[in-house]
N, C-alpha and C. Protein backbone atom coordinates (compact mmCIF):
# COMPACT_ATOMS: atom_id res chain seq x y z
N MET A 1 -47.19 143.99 137.97
CA MET A 1 -46.24 143.53 137.14
C MET A 1 -46.54 143.89 135.77
N ILE A 2 -45.49 144.34 135.10
CA ILE A 2 -45.73 144.86 133.61
C ILE A 2 -45.13 143.79 132.81
N PHE A 3 -45.77 143.10 131.87
CA PHE A 3 -45.27 142.21 130.88
C PHE A 3 -44.98 143.01 129.59
N LYS A 4 -43.66 142.97 129.01
CA LYS A 4 -43.46 143.52 127.83
C LYS A 4 -43.27 142.32 126.81
N VAL A 5 -43.87 142.50 125.62
CA VAL A 5 -43.85 141.55 124.56
C VAL A 5 -43.17 142.09 123.39
N LYS A 6 -42.12 141.51 122.89
CA LYS A 6 -41.50 141.88 121.70
C LYS A 6 -41.43 140.77 120.68
N MET A 7 -41.99 141.12 119.54
CA MET A 7 -41.84 140.06 118.37
C MET A 7 -40.88 140.42 117.27
N LEU A 8 -39.94 139.51 117.06
CA LEU A 8 -38.69 139.66 116.10
C LEU A 8 -38.00 140.93 116.63
N GLU A 9 -37.66 141.81 115.77
CA GLU A 9 -36.96 142.97 116.10
C GLU A 9 -37.96 144.30 116.08
N ALA A 10 -39.22 144.11 116.18
CA ALA A 10 -40.25 145.10 116.13
C ALA A 10 -40.21 145.96 117.50
N GLU A 11 -40.73 147.03 117.32
CA GLU A 11 -40.99 147.86 118.55
C GLU A 11 -41.92 147.00 119.67
N LEU A 12 -42.16 147.71 120.85
CA LEU A 12 -42.93 147.23 121.78
C LEU A 12 -44.39 146.94 121.11
N VAL A 13 -44.86 145.74 121.22
CA VAL A 13 -46.09 145.31 120.58
C VAL A 13 -47.08 145.51 121.55
N CYS A 14 -47.04 145.04 122.90
CA CYS A 14 -48.05 145.29 123.86
C CYS A 14 -47.57 145.25 125.22
N MET A 15 -48.08 146.05 126.09
CA MET A 15 -47.55 146.16 127.53
C MET A 15 -48.89 145.82 128.38
N LEU A 16 -48.71 144.63 129.04
CA LEU A 16 -49.89 144.19 129.94
C LEU A 16 -49.43 144.42 131.31
N VAL A 17 -50.39 145.03 132.01
CA VAL A 17 -50.13 145.33 133.46
C VAL A 17 -51.13 144.37 134.15
N ALA A 18 -50.46 143.51 135.22
CA ALA A 18 -51.32 142.79 135.98
C ALA A 18 -51.46 143.50 137.40
N ALA A 19 -52.61 143.56 137.93
CA ALA A 19 -52.80 144.38 139.26
C ALA A 19 -53.94 143.71 140.02
N THR A 20 -54.03 144.21 141.18
CA THR A 20 -55.09 143.78 142.15
C THR A 20 -55.91 145.07 142.72
N LEU A 21 -57.13 144.89 143.11
CA LEU A 21 -57.95 145.88 143.70
C LEU A 21 -58.60 145.23 144.90
N CYS A 22 -58.76 145.89 145.92
CA CYS A 22 -59.42 145.31 147.22
C CYS A 22 -60.45 146.49 147.58
N HIS A 23 -61.74 145.94 147.86
CA HIS A 23 -62.71 146.89 148.44
C HIS A 23 -62.71 146.40 150.02
N ILE A 24 -62.51 147.31 151.00
CA ILE A 24 -62.45 147.11 152.25
C ILE A 24 -63.74 147.56 152.97
N ILE A 25 -64.42 146.47 153.54
CA ILE A 25 -65.68 146.61 154.23
C ILE A 25 -65.81 146.58 155.63
N LYS A 26 -66.54 147.49 156.31
CA LYS A 26 -66.70 147.46 157.85
C LYS A 26 -67.99 148.08 158.11
N TYR A 27 -68.82 147.27 158.83
CA TYR A 27 -70.12 147.78 159.30
C TYR A 27 -70.94 148.35 158.20
N GLY A 28 -70.90 147.66 157.03
CA GLY A 28 -71.76 148.15 155.90
C GLY A 28 -71.17 149.24 155.14
N GLN A 29 -69.99 149.67 155.58
CA GLN A 29 -69.42 150.96 154.79
C GLN A 29 -68.09 150.45 154.08
N PHE A 30 -67.84 151.25 153.07
CA PHE A 30 -66.78 150.88 152.20
C PHE A 30 -65.72 151.87 152.12
N LEU A 31 -64.40 151.42 152.34
CA LEU A 31 -63.31 152.28 152.34
C LEU A 31 -62.83 152.64 150.80
N LEU A 32 -62.95 153.69 150.47
CA LEU A 32 -62.22 154.16 149.17
C LEU A 32 -61.21 155.13 149.26
N GLN A 33 -60.38 155.00 148.32
CA GLN A 33 -59.09 155.93 148.20
C GLN A 33 -59.28 156.82 146.90
N LYS A 34 -59.21 158.20 147.26
CA LYS A 34 -59.08 159.19 146.06
C LYS A 34 -57.64 159.15 145.78
N LYS A 35 -57.27 158.70 144.52
CA LYS A 35 -55.92 158.66 144.11
C LYS A 35 -55.45 160.01 143.96
N SER A 36 -54.18 160.30 144.30
CA SER A 36 -53.60 161.42 144.12
C SER A 36 -53.32 162.03 142.73
N LYS A 37 -53.33 163.36 142.47
CA LYS A 37 -53.21 163.76 141.10
C LYS A 37 -51.70 163.21 140.56
N GLY A 38 -51.61 163.03 139.42
CA GLY A 38 -50.39 162.73 138.76
C GLY A 38 -50.22 161.17 138.72
N LEU A 39 -50.98 160.42 139.57
CA LEU A 39 -50.87 158.96 139.48
C LEU A 39 -51.98 158.42 138.51
N PHE A 40 -51.78 157.20 138.09
CA PHE A 40 -52.90 156.62 137.01
C PHE A 40 -54.17 156.57 137.91
N GLY A 41 -55.26 157.23 137.40
CA GLY A 41 -56.42 157.32 137.94
C GLY A 41 -56.65 158.44 138.97
N GLY A 42 -55.57 159.29 138.90
CA GLY A 42 -55.54 160.49 139.84
C GLY A 42 -56.86 161.24 139.70
N GLY A 43 -57.35 161.63 141.04
CA GLY A 43 -58.48 162.43 141.24
C GLY A 43 -59.89 161.49 141.30
N LYS A 44 -59.62 160.17 141.14
CA LYS A 44 -60.85 159.25 141.11
C LYS A 44 -60.84 158.44 142.36
N TRP A 45 -62.02 158.22 142.90
CA TRP A 45 -62.21 157.30 144.03
C TRP A 45 -62.08 155.84 143.58
N ASN A 46 -61.64 154.95 144.30
CA ASN A 46 -61.41 153.68 143.87
C ASN A 46 -61.10 152.78 145.11
N GLY A 47 -61.12 151.30 144.87
CA GLY A 47 -60.72 150.54 146.03
C GLY A 47 -59.13 150.66 146.07
N VAL A 48 -58.56 149.90 146.87
CA VAL A 48 -57.11 150.04 147.18
C VAL A 48 -56.43 148.79 146.28
N GLY A 49 -55.23 149.09 145.75
CA GLY A 49 -54.64 148.04 145.06
C GLY A 49 -53.39 148.55 144.22
N GLY A 50 -52.85 147.62 143.38
CA GLY A 50 -51.63 147.96 142.63
C GLY A 50 -51.07 146.99 141.77
N LYS A 51 -49.93 147.12 141.41
CA LYS A 51 -49.35 146.29 140.25
C LYS A 51 -48.63 145.03 141.09
N LEU A 52 -48.72 143.88 140.37
CA LEU A 52 -48.03 142.74 141.04
C LEU A 52 -46.57 142.85 140.79
N LYS A 53 -45.76 142.47 141.69
CA LYS A 53 -44.32 142.33 141.52
C LYS A 53 -44.00 140.97 141.04
N LEU A 54 -42.84 140.78 140.43
CA LEU A 54 -42.34 139.42 139.83
C LEU A 54 -42.47 138.37 140.94
N ASN A 55 -43.06 137.32 140.58
CA ASN A 55 -43.08 136.15 141.49
C ASN A 55 -44.10 136.35 142.61
N GLU A 56 -45.03 137.39 142.50
CA GLU A 56 -46.02 137.59 143.64
C GLU A 56 -47.39 137.16 143.16
N SER A 57 -47.97 136.56 144.20
CA SER A 57 -49.43 136.16 143.80
C SER A 57 -50.32 137.29 143.84
N PRO A 58 -51.47 137.24 143.23
CA PRO A 58 -52.40 138.21 143.45
C PRO A 58 -52.85 138.47 144.95
N GLU A 59 -52.99 137.43 145.67
CA GLU A 59 -53.33 137.64 147.10
C GLU A 59 -52.12 138.31 147.90
N GLU A 60 -50.89 137.85 147.62
CA GLU A 60 -49.73 138.63 148.17
C GLU A 60 -49.66 140.04 147.94
N CYS A 61 -49.92 140.30 146.63
CA CYS A 61 -49.93 141.70 146.07
C CYS A 61 -50.94 142.65 146.83
N VAL A 62 -52.32 141.97 146.88
CA VAL A 62 -53.32 142.95 147.27
C VAL A 62 -53.11 143.18 148.89
N LYS A 63 -52.63 142.15 149.54
CA LYS A 63 -52.42 142.46 150.92
C LYS A 63 -51.16 143.37 151.22
N ARG A 64 -50.11 143.33 150.47
CA ARG A 64 -49.08 144.27 150.46
C ARG A 64 -49.62 145.65 150.05
N GLU A 65 -50.31 145.80 148.99
CA GLU A 65 -50.75 147.12 148.61
C GLU A 65 -51.69 147.77 149.57
N VAL A 66 -52.60 146.95 150.19
CA VAL A 66 -53.41 147.54 151.18
C VAL A 66 -52.68 147.90 152.34
N PHE A 67 -51.64 147.12 152.77
CA PHE A 67 -50.84 147.74 153.90
C PHE A 67 -50.21 149.07 153.58
N GLU A 68 -49.47 149.01 152.41
CA GLU A 68 -48.67 150.24 152.08
C GLU A 68 -49.49 151.40 151.80
N GLU A 69 -50.94 151.15 151.29
CA GLU A 69 -51.56 152.44 151.10
C GLU A 69 -52.55 152.90 152.25
N THR A 70 -52.88 151.99 153.11
CA THR A 70 -53.77 152.34 154.22
C THR A 70 -53.25 152.03 155.65
N GLY A 71 -52.13 151.22 155.75
CA GLY A 71 -51.77 150.71 157.10
C GLY A 71 -52.55 149.63 157.63
N LEU A 72 -53.62 148.97 156.93
CA LEU A 72 -54.30 147.91 157.46
C LEU A 72 -53.76 146.59 156.90
N ARG A 73 -53.74 145.67 158.02
CA ARG A 73 -53.19 144.19 157.66
C ARG A 73 -54.51 143.45 157.41
N VAL A 74 -54.47 142.99 156.17
CA VAL A 74 -55.61 142.10 155.67
C VAL A 74 -55.60 140.74 156.20
N LEU A 75 -56.57 140.05 156.91
CA LEU A 75 -56.42 138.84 157.48
C LEU A 75 -57.01 137.74 156.65
N ASP A 76 -58.05 138.23 155.85
CA ASP A 76 -58.76 137.25 155.04
C ASP A 76 -59.38 137.93 153.80
N LEU A 77 -59.37 137.35 152.54
CA LEU A 77 -59.81 137.93 151.41
C LEU A 77 -60.82 137.15 150.67
N LYS A 78 -61.71 137.69 150.10
CA LYS A 78 -62.72 137.07 149.20
C LYS A 78 -62.32 137.52 147.68
N PHE A 79 -62.19 136.50 146.87
CA PHE A 79 -61.94 136.74 145.34
C PHE A 79 -63.24 137.06 144.78
N HIS A 80 -63.41 138.02 144.07
CA HIS A 80 -64.68 138.21 143.10
C HIS A 80 -64.45 138.03 141.70
N GLY A 81 -63.26 138.16 141.10
CA GLY A 81 -63.15 137.89 139.82
C GLY A 81 -62.04 138.67 139.19
N ILE A 82 -62.07 138.69 137.76
CA ILE A 82 -61.07 139.42 137.05
C ILE A 82 -61.62 140.27 135.90
N LEU A 83 -61.17 141.44 136.09
CA LEU A 83 -61.52 142.59 135.04
C LEU A 83 -60.28 142.81 134.11
N ASN A 84 -60.75 142.81 132.78
CA ASN A 84 -59.88 143.00 131.74
C ASN A 84 -60.10 144.48 131.31
N PHE A 85 -58.95 145.37 130.95
CA PHE A 85 -59.19 146.78 130.50
C PHE A 85 -58.37 146.85 129.20
N TYR A 86 -59.00 147.55 128.39
CA TYR A 86 -58.47 147.96 126.90
C TYR A 86 -58.60 149.43 126.71
N PHE A 87 -57.42 149.91 126.33
CA PHE A 87 -57.46 151.43 126.16
C PHE A 87 -57.17 151.80 124.75
N GLY A 88 -57.77 152.82 124.02
CA GLY A 88 -57.55 153.28 122.88
C GLY A 88 -58.27 152.35 121.67
N ASP A 89 -57.81 152.52 120.51
CA ASP A 89 -58.39 151.90 119.35
C ASP A 89 -58.00 150.43 119.23
N ARG A 90 -56.92 150.00 120.01
CA ARG A 90 -56.53 148.67 119.91
C ARG A 90 -57.40 147.78 120.63
N ARG A 91 -57.54 146.47 120.22
CA ARG A 91 -58.29 145.60 121.00
C ARG A 91 -57.32 144.66 121.76
N GLU A 92 -56.17 145.15 122.15
CA GLU A 92 -55.12 144.41 122.90
C GLU A 92 -55.31 144.67 124.22
N LEU A 93 -55.27 143.61 125.09
CA LEU A 93 -55.47 143.74 126.56
C LEU A 93 -54.33 144.60 127.19
N ASP A 94 -54.77 145.71 127.99
CA ASP A 94 -53.77 146.50 128.77
C ASP A 94 -53.54 146.21 129.99
N TRP A 95 -54.62 146.07 130.81
CA TRP A 95 -54.53 145.72 132.31
C TRP A 95 -55.50 144.48 132.55
N VAL A 96 -55.13 143.60 133.46
CA VAL A 96 -55.77 142.52 134.06
C VAL A 96 -55.83 142.73 135.57
N VAL A 97 -56.88 142.97 136.05
CA VAL A 97 -57.12 143.29 137.47
C VAL A 97 -57.87 142.16 138.34
N HIS A 98 -57.19 141.63 139.25
CA HIS A 98 -57.78 140.56 140.21
C HIS A 98 -58.57 141.40 141.37
N VAL A 99 -59.73 141.19 141.57
CA VAL A 99 -60.62 142.00 142.43
C VAL A 99 -61.00 141.15 143.63
N PHE A 100 -60.85 141.84 144.79
CA PHE A 100 -61.01 141.12 146.07
C PHE A 100 -61.79 142.24 146.91
N SER A 101 -62.37 141.51 148.01
CA SER A 101 -62.95 142.40 149.06
C SER A 101 -62.34 141.73 150.56
N THR A 102 -62.56 142.43 151.42
CA THR A 102 -62.14 142.00 152.80
C THR A 102 -63.10 142.63 153.80
N THR A 103 -63.49 141.82 154.85
CA THR A 103 -64.11 142.49 155.97
C THR A 103 -63.37 142.06 157.22
N ASN A 104 -62.18 141.38 157.07
CA ASN A 104 -61.30 141.00 158.08
C ASN A 104 -59.99 141.45 158.10
N PHE A 105 -59.62 142.60 158.86
CA PHE A 105 -58.50 143.25 158.84
C PHE A 105 -58.18 143.90 160.13
N GLU A 106 -56.93 144.25 160.42
CA GLU A 106 -56.49 144.82 161.57
C GLU A 106 -56.00 146.18 161.42
N GLY A 107 -56.14 147.19 162.40
CA GLY A 107 -55.58 148.48 162.18
C GLY A 107 -56.52 149.57 162.04
N GLU A 108 -56.19 150.78 161.82
CA GLU A 108 -57.02 151.99 161.48
C GLU A 108 -56.42 152.50 160.19
N PRO A 109 -57.32 152.82 159.20
CA PRO A 109 -56.75 153.43 158.01
C PRO A 109 -56.08 154.71 158.21
N LYS A 110 -54.94 154.85 157.45
CA LYS A 110 -54.20 156.09 157.34
C LYS A 110 -53.86 156.37 155.88
N PRO A 111 -54.05 157.66 155.48
CA PRO A 111 -53.83 158.06 154.13
C PRO A 111 -52.33 157.87 153.89
N SER A 112 -52.12 157.83 152.63
CA SER A 112 -50.64 157.69 152.13
C SER A 112 -50.48 158.54 150.94
N GLU A 113 -49.19 158.59 150.32
CA GLU A 113 -48.96 159.43 149.20
C GLU A 113 -49.82 159.01 148.02
N GLU A 114 -50.37 157.69 148.09
CA GLU A 114 -51.28 157.27 146.98
C GLU A 114 -52.56 158.00 146.97
N GLY A 115 -53.06 158.42 148.01
CA GLY A 115 -54.33 159.24 148.12
C GLY A 115 -55.02 159.28 149.52
N ASN A 116 -56.10 159.94 149.62
CA ASN A 116 -56.85 160.12 150.76
C ASN A 116 -57.85 159.03 150.91
N LEU A 117 -58.20 158.60 152.00
CA LEU A 117 -59.21 157.54 152.34
C LEU A 117 -60.44 158.15 153.01
N LYS A 118 -61.58 157.48 152.68
CA LYS A 118 -62.76 157.87 153.35
C LYS A 118 -63.85 156.68 153.31
N TRP A 119 -64.52 156.44 154.34
CA TRP A 119 -65.71 155.45 154.39
C TRP A 119 -66.89 156.01 153.75
N PHE A 120 -67.56 155.08 153.00
CA PHE A 120 -68.78 155.50 152.29
C PHE A 120 -69.82 154.36 152.60
N ASP A 121 -71.14 154.98 152.95
CA ASP A 121 -72.28 154.03 152.93
C ASP A 121 -72.51 153.54 151.49
N SER A 122 -73.13 152.45 151.48
CA SER A 122 -73.37 151.86 150.07
C SER A 122 -74.20 152.79 149.38
N GLU A 123 -75.23 153.53 149.77
CA GLU A 123 -75.96 154.50 148.97
C GLU A 123 -75.24 155.90 148.67
N GLU A 124 -74.25 155.94 149.09
CA GLU A 124 -73.48 157.17 148.90
C GLU A 124 -72.03 157.06 148.03
N ILE A 125 -71.90 155.71 147.63
CA ILE A 125 -70.73 155.63 146.68
C ILE A 125 -70.74 156.56 145.63
N PRO A 126 -69.56 157.37 145.57
CA PRO A 126 -69.47 158.64 144.41
C PRO A 126 -69.13 158.03 143.08
N TYR A 127 -70.05 157.33 142.26
CA TYR A 127 -69.78 156.81 141.01
C TYR A 127 -69.52 157.78 140.09
N LYS A 128 -69.94 158.98 140.33
CA LYS A 128 -69.56 160.14 139.17
C LYS A 128 -68.08 160.47 139.31
N GLU A 129 -67.47 160.14 140.31
CA GLU A 129 -66.05 160.54 140.63
C GLU A 129 -65.24 159.09 140.48
N MET A 130 -65.66 158.19 139.95
CA MET A 130 -64.91 156.96 139.87
C MET A 130 -64.73 156.53 138.48
N TRP A 131 -64.03 155.47 138.11
CA TRP A 131 -63.87 154.94 136.83
C TRP A 131 -65.27 154.60 136.33
N GLU A 132 -65.52 154.85 135.02
CA GLU A 132 -66.91 154.77 134.58
C GLU A 132 -67.42 153.18 134.74
N ASP A 133 -66.52 152.32 134.61
CA ASP A 133 -66.89 150.85 134.70
C ASP A 133 -67.44 150.30 136.10
N ASP A 134 -67.01 151.15 137.17
CA ASP A 134 -67.27 150.77 138.51
C ASP A 134 -68.70 150.66 138.73
N LYS A 135 -69.52 151.50 138.03
CA LYS A 135 -71.03 151.52 138.46
C LYS A 135 -71.61 150.08 138.02
N TYR A 136 -70.99 149.39 137.09
CA TYR A 136 -71.46 148.13 136.65
C TYR A 136 -71.16 146.98 137.50
N TRP A 137 -70.01 146.91 137.98
CA TRP A 137 -69.44 145.73 138.75
C TRP A 137 -69.35 145.90 140.14
N VAL A 138 -69.06 147.25 140.81
CA VAL A 138 -68.89 147.41 142.18
C VAL A 138 -70.24 146.95 142.87
N PRO A 139 -71.55 147.24 142.36
CA PRO A 139 -72.84 146.62 143.20
C PRO A 139 -72.78 145.22 143.23
N LEU A 140 -72.30 144.54 142.30
CA LEU A 140 -72.09 143.09 142.38
C LEU A 140 -71.30 142.57 143.47
N LEU A 141 -70.13 143.23 143.61
CA LEU A 141 -69.02 142.98 144.69
C LEU A 141 -69.67 143.34 146.00
N PHE A 142 -70.48 144.40 146.21
CA PHE A 142 -71.19 144.68 147.48
C PHE A 142 -72.21 143.64 147.82
N LYS A 143 -72.76 142.94 146.85
CA LYS A 143 -73.63 141.80 147.10
C LYS A 143 -73.07 140.51 147.35
N GLY A 144 -71.59 140.59 147.28
CA GLY A 144 -70.92 139.30 147.54
C GLY A 144 -70.80 138.45 146.25
N GLN A 145 -71.12 138.93 145.12
CA GLN A 145 -71.16 138.01 143.86
C GLN A 145 -69.80 138.13 143.19
N CYS A 146 -69.55 137.13 142.32
CA CYS A 146 -68.38 137.09 141.65
C CYS A 146 -68.59 137.43 140.17
N PHE A 147 -67.58 137.80 139.43
CA PHE A 147 -67.92 138.34 138.01
C PHE A 147 -66.62 138.21 137.10
N GLN A 148 -66.76 138.48 135.90
CA GLN A 148 -65.75 138.61 134.95
C GLN A 148 -66.12 139.65 133.85
N GLY A 149 -65.32 140.49 133.52
CA GLY A 149 -65.62 141.72 132.77
C GLY A 149 -64.51 142.08 131.74
N ASN A 150 -64.95 142.59 130.67
CA ASN A 150 -64.06 143.27 129.67
C ASN A 150 -64.52 144.72 129.51
N PHE A 151 -63.62 145.70 129.70
CA PHE A 151 -64.07 147.17 129.60
C PHE A 151 -63.11 147.78 128.60
N TYR A 152 -63.71 148.49 127.59
CA TYR A 152 -62.99 149.09 126.55
C TYR A 152 -63.14 150.60 126.70
N PHE A 153 -62.13 151.31 126.92
CA PHE A 153 -61.98 152.78 127.20
C PHE A 153 -61.41 153.57 125.99
N ASP A 154 -61.64 154.80 125.92
CA ASP A 154 -61.04 155.63 124.86
C ASP A 154 -59.48 155.66 125.39
N GLU A 155 -58.57 156.20 124.49
CA GLU A 155 -57.17 156.36 124.77
C GLU A 155 -56.80 156.78 126.27
N GLY A 156 -57.57 157.93 126.58
CA GLY A 156 -57.22 158.53 127.98
C GLY A 156 -57.98 157.96 129.16
N GLY A 157 -58.73 156.90 128.84
CA GLY A 157 -59.44 156.24 130.05
C GLY A 157 -60.52 157.07 130.51
N GLU A 158 -61.03 158.13 129.96
CA GLU A 158 -62.11 158.98 130.40
C GLU A 158 -63.57 158.44 130.00
N LYS A 159 -63.59 157.73 128.84
CA LYS A 159 -64.94 157.33 128.24
C LYS A 159 -64.89 156.00 128.11
N LEU A 160 -66.04 155.32 128.64
CA LEU A 160 -66.13 153.89 128.47
C LEU A 160 -66.86 153.69 127.21
N LEU A 161 -66.23 152.90 126.27
CA LEU A 161 -66.83 152.71 124.83
C LEU A 161 -67.81 151.54 124.82
N ASP A 162 -67.25 150.43 125.53
CA ASP A 162 -68.02 149.32 125.43
C ASP A 162 -67.62 148.32 126.53
N PHE A 163 -68.45 147.29 126.71
CA PHE A 163 -68.12 146.34 127.99
C PHE A 163 -68.94 145.23 127.85
N ASP A 164 -68.50 144.15 128.41
CA ASP A 164 -69.28 142.90 128.67
C ASP A 164 -68.99 142.44 130.15
N LEU A 165 -69.90 142.08 130.89
CA LEU A 165 -69.85 141.64 132.39
C LEU A 165 -70.60 140.65 132.65
N LYS A 166 -70.09 139.46 132.86
CA LYS A 166 -70.75 138.22 133.38
C LYS A 166 -70.56 137.96 134.89
N ARG A 167 -71.73 137.59 135.42
CA ARG A 167 -71.65 137.07 136.92
C ARG A 167 -71.06 135.67 136.70
N LYS A 168 -70.25 135.18 137.82
CA LYS A 168 -69.60 133.89 137.82
C LYS A 168 -69.93 133.25 139.08
N ILE A 169 -69.98 131.87 139.02
CA ILE A 169 -70.02 131.07 140.22
C ILE A 169 -68.75 130.49 140.43
N LEU A 170 -67.98 130.82 141.48
CA LEU A 170 -66.64 130.34 141.75
C LEU A 170 -66.83 129.32 143.00
N ASN A 171 -65.94 128.17 142.99
CA ASN A 171 -65.91 127.32 144.08
C ASN A 171 -65.06 127.76 145.29
């Protein structure tokens, strides 16, 4: 879901994207998607997810996105936390991402126009081909931990400029 904020008669002040991300785990391996060129994050490996639709919960969104992008039906989710992303010189929030994992799903993964899929062992995760922030929080997810983070990137999203990441205890 994209939220547009307009103050008085000024131009667009801020555009906030609410999204989800799911790491799919089976027998100690992790299913990652290499986003297709031309898409946001194109050429990078990542978990599966996407933008929330109007009146859709993060849980509904992530289940829908996983099915659309992999053909898998998620039966159960674990919520790990929220990551906030900022791009460019502004310190205004650009993306809010709800992060989940699942070990309980049905079906066999099939690639989609969103990208190719591949299973990785935990020691083979291709961090150098992922978003730069992933190397900080993905290991926490693999350990089943919860977290909250703020990540500040340059305008193009290629260089991580700053971040803060906290482990959280969720009920």
